Amino acid sequence: MKRRTTTLFVAAALALLALGLPASAGTASASSPARVSVQVPQAAGGAGVVMLELAVTGTGLLAAGHIGAVVTLARAGGPAVEIGRFSILPSGGGGEQRYQFNIASALKRLGLAGGFAEVEVVLVDRGGGPPPSGVGLSIGQVRIVTR
C-alpha cells in the first residue's frame, strides 16, 4: 500500500509540473523569506527576453502600512542576484497578485540555462524598518518563460 501511495504522489506531482502548476509553494513572514525552486528552460540561454512570472497572495496587509518584497534569483548554493522589487497591495479579499520580471541578464550573470534556479522573496517595509509581525506572503505560482 505504501509503494502505491508513493507512486500516486509522484504521478500527481509530475502532472502538476506538466500543467505548469506549482508542485511546491513558499511562504514568507516578517522574519523569514519564501523560497521556491523553478526550472530554467534550456532556450533561456539564447533568448533576448526571459520572464520570471510570479503570483503571490499577501496576508495581514490591511493595517501593515506599505509592504513590499525583494525578489532574488540564484543557482543552488550560489550567490543571489536581485531581479526586482514590488509593492503588495492590501486587497480586502486577499486576492492573488501577479508580477513579471525580465531575468535574461541575471541568468547570463549566473550562467544558468537549463536546470533549476532558486527564487527568494523577502518581505520589506517600504517606509523603512523591518516589516511588522503578522504580515505574510505565499507564492502561488512561479515559472520562467522565453519570448
Protein backbone atom coordinates (compact mmCIF):
# COMPACT_ATOMS: atom_id res chain seq x y z
CA MET A 1 0.00 0.00 0.00
CA LYS A 2 2.85 2.42 0.87
CA ARG A 3 4.51 1.90 -2.52
CA ARG A 4 1.22 2.58 -4.34
CA THR A 5 0.69 5.81 -2.34
CA THR A 6 4.22 6.97 -3.18
CA THR A 7 3.72 6.14 -6.85
CA LEU A 8 0.44 8.11 -6.91
CA PHE A 9 2.07 11.08 -5.19
CA VAL A 10 4.93 11.16 -7.71
CA ALA A 11 2.47 10.86 -10.60
CA ALA A 12 0.39 13.73 -9.22
CA ALA A 13 3.47 15.95 -8.82
CA LEU A 14 4.58 15.23 -12.39
CA ALA A 15 1.06 16.00 -13.66
CA LEU A 16 1.14 19.38 -11.88
CA LEU A 17 4.50 20.20 -13.45
CA ALA A 18 3.21 19.23 -16.89
CA LEU A 19 0.27 21.59 -16.45
CA GLY A 20 2.56 24.43 -15.41
CA LEU A 21 1.14 24.44 -11.89
CA PRO A 22 3.42 24.68 -8.89
CA ALA A 23 4.44 21.43 -7.26
CA SER A 24 5.54 23.39 -4.18
CA ALA A 25 5.00 26.87 -2.84
CA GLY A 26 6.90 29.06 -0.43
CA THR A 27 5.61 31.27 2.35
CA ALA A 28 7.36 34.39 3.64
CA SER A 29 6.86 36.02 7.02
CA ALA A 30 8.30 39.15 8.59
CA SER A 31 11.26 37.07 9.80
CA SER A 32 11.84 34.55 7.01
CA PRO A 33 11.84 34.64 3.19
CA ALA A 34 9.87 32.44 0.81
CA ARG A 35 11.99 30.16 -1.39
CA VAL A 36 10.95 28.04 -4.35
CA SER A 37 12.85 26.14 -7.00
CA VAL A 38 11.98 26.79 -10.63
CA GLN A 39 13.06 25.08 -13.83
CA VAL A 40 15.06 27.23 -16.24
CA PRO A 41 14.30 26.34 -19.88
CA GLN A 42 17.34 25.42 -21.98
CA ALA A 43 16.16 28.02 -24.53
CA ALA A 44 16.72 30.76 -21.91
CA GLY A 45 20.44 30.80 -22.73
CA GLY A 46 19.91 32.31 -26.18
CA ALA A 47 16.66 34.22 -25.66
CA GLY A 48 16.60 38.01 -25.64
CA VAL A 49 13.64 38.19 -23.28
CA VAL A 50 13.28 35.73 -20.42
CA MET A 51 10.48 36.45 -17.97
CA LEU A 52 10.01 35.24 -14.42
CA GLU A 53 6.27 35.16 -13.76
CA LEU A 54 5.38 35.25 -10.08
CA ALA A 55 1.93 35.01 -8.44
CA VAL A 56 1.64 35.88 -4.74
CA THR A 57 -1.03 36.30 -2.09
CA GLY A 58 -0.45 38.57 0.90
CA THR A 59 -1.88 38.17 4.40
CA GLY A 60 -2.18 40.65 7.27
CA LEU A 61 -1.63 43.64 4.97
CA LEU A 62 -4.62 45.91 5.71
CA ALA A 63 -3.12 47.63 8.75
CA ALA A 64 0.52 46.96 7.95
CA GLY A 65 1.47 50.08 6.00
CA HIS A 66 3.45 49.99 2.77
CA ILE A 67 4.69 46.42 2.44
CA GLY A 68 6.82 45.28 -0.47
CA ALA A 69 9.10 42.44 -1.44
CA VAL A 70 12.58 41.96 -2.89
CA VAL A 71 12.97 39.11 -5.40
CA THR A 72 16.31 37.38 -5.99
CA LEU A 73 17.43 34.55 -8.25
CA ALA A 74 20.31 32.16 -7.53
CA ARG A 75 21.93 28.96 -8.67
CA ALA A 76 21.53 26.34 -5.92
CA GLY A 77 24.18 27.08 -3.32
CA GLY A 78 25.45 30.11 -5.23
CA PRO A 79 25.26 33.88 -4.89
CA ALA A 80 21.92 35.61 -5.46
CA VAL A 81 21.14 38.40 -7.92
CA GLU A 82 18.34 40.86 -7.19
CA ILE A 83 15.89 40.81 -10.11
CA GLY A 84 13.23 43.19 -8.85
CA ARG A 85 11.01 44.66 -6.17
CA PHE A 86 7.28 45.13 -5.91
CA SER A 87 4.63 46.57 -3.60
CA ILE A 88 1.98 44.27 -2.20
CA LEU A 89 -1.48 45.77 -2.45
CA PRO A 90 -3.70 45.31 0.60
CA SER A 91 -6.73 43.86 -1.16
CA GLY A 92 -9.57 43.15 1.24
CA GLY A 93 -10.35 39.83 -0.43
CA GLY A 94 -6.77 38.57 -0.17
CA GLY A 95 -6.61 38.02 -3.93
CA GLU A 96 -3.66 36.81 -5.93
CA GLN A 97 -1.33 39.43 -7.42
CA ARG A 98 0.90 38.74 -10.43
CA TYR A 99 4.28 40.23 -11.31
CA GLN A 100 6.76 39.76 -14.16
CA PHE A 101 10.50 40.40 -14.25
CA ASN A 102 12.86 40.23 -17.25
CA ILE A 103 15.65 37.98 -15.96
CA ALA A 104 17.70 37.49 -19.14
CA SER A 105 20.71 39.43 -17.82
CA ALA A 106 20.50 37.78 -14.37
CA LEU A 107 20.54 34.32 -15.97
CA LYS A 108 23.61 35.27 -18.01
CA ARG A 109 25.39 36.61 -14.90
CA LEU A 110 24.60 33.39 -13.03
CA GLY A 111 25.42 31.15 -16.00
CA LEU A 112 22.00 29.49 -15.84
CA ALA A 113 20.37 27.90 -18.88
CA GLY A 114 18.59 24.65 -18.22
CA GLY A 115 18.49 23.09 -14.79
CA PHE A 116 16.96 24.76 -11.76
CA ALA A 117 17.22 28.13 -10.04
CA GLU A 118 16.11 29.26 -6.61
CA VAL A 119 13.74 32.21 -6.34
CA GLU A 120 13.68 34.00 -2.98
CA VAL A 121 11.12 36.60 -1.94
CA VAL A 122 11.88 38.72 1.14
CA LEU A 123 9.25 40.98 2.72
CA VAL A 124 10.26 44.60 3.37
CA ASP A 125 8.58 47.67 4.82
CA ARG A 126 8.88 50.22 2.01
CA GLY A 127 8.54 53.01 4.58
CA GLY A 128 11.71 51.85 6.34
CA GLY A 129 12.47 49.42 9.12
CA PRO A 130 11.52 45.76 9.37
CA PRO A 131 8.11 44.52 8.22
CA PRO A 132 5.58 44.19 11.05
CA SER A 133 4.87 40.78 12.53
CA GLY A 134 1.69 39.15 11.26
CA VAL A 135 2.43 40.07 7.64
CA GLY A 136 2.90 37.17 5.24
CA LEU A 137 3.16 36.27 1.59
CA SER A 138 2.55 32.97 -0.18
CA ILE A 139 3.93 32.14 -3.61
CA GLY A 140 1.16 30.54 -5.63
CA GLN A 141 2.98 30.06 -8.92
CA VAL A 142 6.40 30.78 -10.32
CA ARG A 143 7.66 29.96 -13.80
CA ILE A 144 10.19 31.11 -16.35
CA VAL A 145 9.13 31.69 -19.95
CA THR A 146 11.12 32.77 -23.01
CA ARG A 147 9.88 35.12 -25.71
